[in-house]
N, C-alpha and C. Protein backbone atom coordinates (compact mmCIF):
# COMPACT_ATOMS: atom_id res chain seq x y z
N MET A 1 28.71 38.11 1.75
CA MET A 1 28.50 38.30 0.49
C MET A 1 26.86 38.12 0.23
N PRO A 2 26.25 39.21 -0.22
CA PRO A 2 24.72 39.04 -0.44
C PRO A 2 24.38 37.90 -1.47
N SER A 3 23.30 37.39 -1.39
CA SER A 3 22.92 36.37 -2.32
C SER A 3 21.51 36.47 -2.71
N THR A 4 21.07 36.21 -3.96
CA THR A 4 19.79 36.25 -4.34
C THR A 4 19.27 34.92 -4.52
N SER A 5 20.05 34.03 -4.08
CA SER A 5 19.60 32.57 -4.17
C SER A 5 18.31 32.35 -3.16
N THR A 6 17.38 31.47 -3.91
CA THR A 6 16.20 30.98 -2.88
C THR A 6 16.43 29.67 -2.68
N ILE A 7 16.20 29.55 -1.26
CA ILE A 7 16.45 28.13 -0.57
C ILE A 7 14.96 27.67 0.02
N LEU A 8 14.57 26.34 -0.41
CA LEU A 8 13.21 25.89 0.27
C LEU A 8 13.81 25.07 1.35
N VAL A 9 13.20 25.37 2.54
CA VAL A 9 13.56 24.62 3.79
C VAL A 9 12.22 23.69 4.11
N VAL A 10 12.46 22.43 4.06
CA VAL A 10 11.27 21.47 4.57
C VAL A 10 11.76 20.75 5.81
N GLU A 11 10.93 21.07 6.72
CA GLU A 11 11.21 20.59 8.27
C GLU A 11 9.89 20.49 8.86
N ASP A 12 9.66 19.52 9.62
CA ASP A 12 8.22 19.33 10.25
C ASP A 12 8.35 19.94 11.68
N ASP A 13 9.61 19.92 12.19
CA ASP A 13 9.83 20.55 13.51
C ASP A 13 9.86 22.15 13.30
N ASP A 14 8.69 22.78 13.86
CA ASP A 14 8.55 24.19 13.85
C ASP A 14 9.72 24.95 14.39
N ILE A 15 10.39 24.50 15.56
CA ILE A 15 11.53 25.31 16.07
C ILE A 15 12.69 25.08 15.21
N VAL A 16 12.81 23.94 14.84
CA VAL A 16 14.11 23.76 14.11
C VAL A 16 14.03 24.49 12.61
N ARG A 17 12.84 24.35 12.08
CA ARG A 17 12.62 25.10 10.93
C ARG A 17 12.84 26.50 10.91
N MET A 18 12.37 27.05 12.01
CA MET A 18 12.37 28.62 12.39
C MET A 18 13.83 28.92 12.49
N LEU A 19 14.63 28.23 13.13
CA LEU A 19 16.17 28.55 13.36
C LEU A 19 16.84 28.46 11.96
N ILE A 20 16.54 27.44 11.20
CA ILE A 20 17.19 27.32 10.05
C ILE A 20 16.90 28.50 9.25
N VAL A 21 15.65 28.85 8.99
CA VAL A 21 15.19 30.01 8.22
C VAL A 21 15.83 31.21 8.64
N ASP A 22 15.93 31.35 9.92
CA ASP A 22 16.49 32.68 10.52
C ASP A 22 18.01 32.73 10.05
N VAL A 23 18.66 31.77 10.22
CA VAL A 23 20.03 31.75 9.86
C VAL A 23 20.23 32.00 8.31
N LEU A 24 19.45 31.30 7.58
CA LEU A 24 19.62 31.45 6.12
C LEU A 24 19.12 32.94 5.68
N GLU A 25 18.35 33.47 6.26
CA GLU A 25 17.90 34.96 6.04
C GLU A 25 18.94 35.84 6.24
N GLU A 26 19.50 35.59 7.62
CA GLU A 26 20.64 36.54 7.94
C GLU A 26 21.94 36.37 7.05
N LEU A 27 21.99 35.21 6.33
CA LEU A 27 22.99 35.14 5.45
C LEU A 27 22.54 35.64 4.15
N ALA A 28 21.46 36.29 3.95
CA ALA A 28 21.00 37.03 2.85
C ALA A 28 20.48 36.27 1.74
N PHE A 29 19.97 34.99 2.04
CA PHE A 29 19.20 34.08 1.19
C PHE A 29 17.73 34.43 1.12
N ARG A 30 16.97 34.26 0.04
CA ARG A 30 15.69 34.37 0.11
C ARG A 30 15.18 32.89 0.51
N VAL A 31 14.40 32.71 1.53
CA VAL A 31 13.93 31.60 2.03
C VAL A 31 12.37 31.20 1.95
N LEU A 32 11.92 30.05 1.45
CA LEU A 32 10.59 29.55 1.37
C LEU A 32 10.70 28.49 2.39
N GLU A 33 9.54 28.20 3.07
CA GLU A 33 9.57 27.06 4.09
C GLU A 33 8.23 26.36 3.93
N ALA A 34 8.45 25.00 4.33
CA ALA A 34 7.28 24.15 4.39
C ALA A 34 7.42 23.17 5.54
N ALA A 35 6.35 22.73 6.15
CA ALA A 35 6.50 21.89 7.31
C ALA A 35 6.19 20.34 6.80
N ASP A 36 5.97 20.25 5.40
CA ASP A 36 5.87 18.94 4.99
C ASP A 36 5.91 18.79 3.71
N ALA A 37 5.93 17.62 3.10
CA ALA A 37 6.30 17.31 1.75
C ALA A 37 5.19 17.98 0.56
N GLY A 38 4.02 17.92 1.02
CA GLY A 38 2.92 18.26 0.23
C GLY A 38 2.99 19.98 0.00
N ARG A 39 3.38 20.64 1.03
CA ARG A 39 3.63 22.11 0.78
C ARG A 39 4.99 22.37 0.09
N ALA A 40 5.82 21.62 0.32
CA ALA A 40 7.10 21.77 -0.39
C ALA A 40 6.88 21.43 -1.79
N LEU A 41 6.14 20.72 -2.24
CA LEU A 41 5.86 20.32 -3.71
C LEU A 41 5.03 21.65 -4.40
N GLU A 42 4.04 22.12 -3.44
CA GLU A 42 3.38 23.26 -3.89
C GLU A 42 4.36 24.42 -4.39
N HIS A 43 5.31 24.70 -3.39
CA HIS A 43 6.39 25.79 -3.76
C HIS A 43 7.22 25.33 -5.01
N VAL A 44 7.66 24.09 -5.26
CA VAL A 44 8.36 23.46 -6.16
C VAL A 44 7.56 23.69 -7.65
N GLN A 45 6.34 23.41 -7.60
CA GLN A 45 5.41 23.45 -8.62
C GLN A 45 4.99 24.87 -9.25
N ASN A 46 5.23 25.83 -8.24
CA ASN A 46 4.79 27.19 -8.43
C ASN A 46 5.75 27.88 -9.50
N PRO A 47 5.54 28.24 -10.85
CA PRO A 47 6.35 28.70 -11.67
C PRO A 47 6.79 30.15 -11.30
N ASP A 48 6.20 30.73 -10.39
CA ASP A 48 6.77 32.13 -9.97
C ASP A 48 8.12 31.92 -9.00
N GLN A 49 8.30 30.74 -8.39
CA GLN A 49 9.20 30.41 -7.49
C GLN A 49 10.52 29.94 -8.23
N ASN A 50 11.58 30.60 -8.01
CA ASN A 50 12.76 30.10 -8.86
C ASN A 50 13.83 29.67 -7.54
N ILE A 51 13.77 28.29 -7.28
CA ILE A 51 14.38 27.74 -6.14
C ILE A 51 15.66 27.27 -6.63
N HIS A 52 16.67 27.53 -5.95
CA HIS A 52 18.16 27.24 -6.22
C HIS A 52 18.72 26.06 -5.38
N LEU A 53 17.98 25.65 -4.14
CA LEU A 53 18.63 24.65 -3.33
C LEU A 53 17.25 24.32 -2.49
N MET A 54 16.95 22.96 -2.41
CA MET A 54 16.05 22.41 -1.46
C MET A 54 16.86 21.79 -0.30
N MET A 55 16.63 22.30 1.05
CA MET A 55 17.00 21.54 2.05
C MET A 55 15.92 20.91 2.78
N THR A 56 15.85 19.65 2.93
CA THR A 56 14.79 18.92 3.61
C THR A 56 15.44 17.83 4.73
N ASP A 57 14.46 17.81 5.75
CA ASP A 57 14.70 16.76 6.77
C ASP A 57 14.39 15.47 6.05
N VAL A 58 15.08 14.51 6.57
CA VAL A 58 14.89 13.13 5.99
C VAL A 58 13.44 12.49 6.37
N GLY A 59 13.19 12.64 7.76
CA GLY A 59 12.07 12.20 8.54
C GLY A 59 11.02 13.02 8.52
N LEU A 60 10.17 13.19 7.46
CA LEU A 60 8.95 13.92 7.40
C LEU A 60 7.82 13.08 7.56
N PRO A 61 6.59 13.60 7.98
CA PRO A 61 5.63 12.90 8.45
C PRO A 61 4.64 12.26 7.31
N ASP A 62 4.62 13.00 6.07
CA ASP A 62 3.72 12.32 4.88
C ASP A 62 4.65 11.57 3.91
N MET A 63 5.78 11.78 3.72
CA MET A 63 6.73 11.09 2.93
C MET A 63 8.14 11.51 3.35
N ASP A 64 9.00 10.41 3.17
CA ASP A 64 10.22 10.93 3.74
C ASP A 64 11.10 11.78 2.71
N GLY A 65 12.13 12.25 3.14
CA GLY A 65 12.98 13.28 2.47
C GLY A 65 13.39 12.74 1.03
N LYS A 66 13.80 11.59 0.94
CA LYS A 66 14.29 10.95 -0.08
C LYS A 66 13.08 10.72 -1.22
N GLN A 67 12.10 10.40 -0.69
CA GLN A 67 10.82 10.42 -1.69
C GLN A 67 10.54 11.67 -2.19
N LEU A 68 10.53 12.74 -1.30
CA LEU A 68 10.22 14.03 -1.76
C LEU A 68 11.35 14.54 -2.74
N ALA A 69 12.51 14.35 -2.39
CA ALA A 69 13.66 14.50 -3.47
C ALA A 69 13.41 14.05 -4.73
N ASN A 70 12.89 12.68 -4.85
CA ASN A 70 12.67 12.26 -6.23
C ASN A 70 11.60 12.67 -6.92
N LYS A 71 10.58 13.13 -6.06
CA LYS A 71 9.52 13.89 -6.82
C LYS A 71 9.98 15.17 -7.33
N VAL A 72 10.69 15.85 -6.58
CA VAL A 72 11.07 17.33 -6.93
C VAL A 72 12.06 17.14 -8.19
N ARG A 73 12.96 16.11 -8.09
CA ARG A 73 13.84 15.81 -9.30
C ARG A 73 13.05 15.52 -10.70
N GLU A 74 11.89 15.10 -10.47
CA GLU A 74 10.98 14.90 -11.74
C GLU A 74 10.68 16.17 -12.24
N LEU A 75 10.68 17.09 -11.49
CA LEU A 75 10.15 18.52 -12.03
C LEU A 75 11.20 19.37 -12.32
N HIS A 76 12.46 19.12 -11.47
CA HIS A 76 13.64 20.00 -11.77
C HIS A 76 14.78 19.07 -11.49
N PRO A 77 15.21 18.36 -12.55
CA PRO A 77 16.37 17.42 -12.47
C PRO A 77 17.61 17.89 -11.91
N ALA A 78 17.95 19.15 -12.08
CA ALA A 78 19.24 19.69 -11.74
C ALA A 78 19.24 20.45 -10.25
N LEU A 79 18.02 20.37 -9.75
CA LEU A 79 18.04 21.22 -8.49
C LEU A 79 18.75 20.52 -7.32
N PRO A 80 19.73 21.24 -6.74
CA PRO A 80 20.44 20.61 -5.65
C PRO A 80 19.55 20.32 -4.46
N ILE A 81 19.75 19.16 -3.87
CA ILE A 81 19.04 18.77 -2.67
C ILE A 81 19.96 18.52 -1.50
N LEU A 82 19.78 19.24 -0.36
CA LEU A 82 20.62 19.00 0.77
C LEU A 82 19.81 18.33 1.87
N PHE A 83 20.01 17.24 2.32
CA PHE A 83 19.41 16.56 3.36
C PHE A 83 19.95 16.78 4.79
N ALA A 84 19.05 16.94 5.73
CA ALA A 84 19.53 17.26 7.12
C ALA A 84 19.06 15.90 7.94
N SER A 85 20.07 15.46 8.54
CA SER A 85 19.64 14.10 9.32
C SER A 85 20.41 13.93 10.55
N GLY A 86 19.84 13.38 11.64
CA GLY A 86 20.61 12.99 12.61
C GLY A 86 21.43 11.55 12.48
N TYR A 87 21.16 11.12 11.45
CA TYR A 87 21.84 9.73 10.87
C TYR A 87 22.46 9.92 9.58
N ALA A 88 23.14 11.00 9.40
CA ALA A 88 23.77 11.32 8.19
C ALA A 88 24.64 10.29 7.66
N GLU A 89 25.37 9.58 8.39
CA GLU A 89 26.27 8.43 8.04
C GLU A 89 25.66 7.41 7.49
N ASN A 90 24.34 7.21 7.60
CA ASN A 90 23.64 6.07 7.19
C ASN A 90 22.79 6.49 5.71
N ILE A 91 22.89 7.70 5.38
CA ILE A 91 22.22 8.06 4.20
C ILE A 91 23.06 7.73 2.81
N ASP A 92 22.53 7.18 1.87
CA ASP A 92 23.10 6.97 0.52
C ASP A 92 22.41 8.06 -0.24
N VAL A 93 23.29 9.05 -0.77
CA VAL A 93 22.56 10.12 -1.56
C VAL A 93 23.33 10.15 -3.06
N PRO A 94 22.30 10.26 -3.91
CA PRO A 94 22.52 10.08 -5.42
C PRO A 94 23.26 11.45 -5.76
N ALA A 95 23.91 11.52 -6.98
CA ALA A 95 24.71 12.61 -7.56
C ALA A 95 23.67 13.92 -7.41
N GLY A 96 24.32 14.98 -7.01
CA GLY A 96 23.71 16.34 -6.99
C GLY A 96 22.80 16.47 -5.58
N MET A 97 23.03 15.48 -4.70
CA MET A 97 22.34 15.64 -3.50
C MET A 97 23.58 15.57 -2.42
N HIS A 98 23.14 16.26 -1.20
CA HIS A 98 24.19 16.38 -0.23
C HIS A 98 23.56 16.14 1.03
N VAL A 99 24.42 15.96 2.17
CA VAL A 99 23.89 15.81 3.36
C VAL A 99 24.73 16.60 4.55
N ILE A 100 23.97 16.95 5.53
CA ILE A 100 24.60 17.74 6.66
C ILE A 100 23.93 16.94 7.84
N GLY A 101 24.69 16.66 8.69
CA GLY A 101 24.33 15.96 10.05
C GLY A 101 23.83 16.94 11.08
N LYS A 102 22.91 16.52 11.61
CA LYS A 102 21.95 17.26 12.80
C LYS A 102 22.75 16.52 14.00
N PRO A 103 23.01 17.38 15.04
CA PRO A 103 22.78 18.77 15.07
C PRO A 103 24.01 19.46 14.19
N PHE A 104 23.83 20.57 13.64
CA PHE A 104 24.87 21.26 12.86
C PHE A 104 25.01 22.80 13.45
N SER A 105 26.23 23.33 13.24
CA SER A 105 26.40 24.67 13.77
C SER A 105 25.80 25.62 12.70
N ILE A 106 25.87 26.89 13.12
CA ILE A 106 25.40 27.89 11.93
C ILE A 106 26.65 27.85 10.86
N ASP A 107 27.78 27.89 11.31
CA ASP A 107 28.93 27.88 10.52
C ASP A 107 28.85 26.83 9.48
N GLN A 108 28.62 25.60 9.96
CA GLN A 108 28.47 24.46 9.13
C GLN A 108 27.47 24.53 8.07
N LEU A 109 26.37 24.99 8.43
CA LEU A 109 25.14 25.24 7.58
C LEU A 109 25.59 26.24 6.57
N ARG A 110 26.08 27.48 7.06
CA ARG A 110 26.55 28.56 6.02
C ARG A 110 27.59 27.99 4.97
N ASP A 111 28.43 27.25 5.38
CA ASP A 111 29.62 26.63 4.51
C ASP A 111 28.92 25.54 3.67
N LYS A 112 28.15 24.73 4.18
CA LYS A 112 27.59 23.66 3.26
C LYS A 112 26.85 24.42 2.19
N VAL A 113 26.05 25.24 2.51
CA VAL A 113 24.99 26.03 1.53
C VAL A 113 25.90 26.67 0.45
N ARG A 114 26.68 27.46 0.97
CA ARG A 114 27.64 28.30 0.24
C ARG A 114 28.34 27.48 -0.82
N SER A 115 28.85 26.30 -0.33
CA SER A 115 29.51 25.29 -1.10
C SER A 115 28.64 24.73 -2.37
N ILE A 116 27.37 24.35 -1.82
CA ILE A 116 26.45 23.69 -2.82
C ILE A 116 26.19 24.72 -3.96
N LEU A 117 25.88 25.98 -3.41
CA LEU A 117 25.52 27.08 -4.39
C LEU A 117 26.60 27.71 -5.13
N GLY A 118 27.89 27.49 -4.62
CA GLY A 118 28.93 28.14 -5.37
C GLY A 118 29.21 29.57 -5.06
N THR A 119 28.82 29.86 -3.90
CA THR A 119 28.80 31.01 -3.34
C THR A 119 29.95 31.39 -2.32
N GLU A 120 30.94 30.73 -2.22
CA GLU A 120 31.83 30.68 -1.07
C GLU A 120 32.61 31.81 -1.32
């Protein structure tokens, strides 16, 4: 099912980010990407971007994913956040935020994103 939803992918590992972006684009999502929290915030603050979901790594170089999520939520309180982490079982997530454990399969990513966006 084609989607016009926009997903912001925040991942500092270039290869991992590229793979996630490729998968999401193949699933017909519009994807924005950022290698760090600063660039992610630029996307979020841009009034021309209509972001429906932010997927972020927990371990980012300039601020961690939870700090980024808190800043993003100040601007867009209802924006769903999906954390990707190799330590998913150790993450306490607030309401409206979700976790997917690394490594994840293409099917797991697809199902999680569709579930969050209600496009199942």
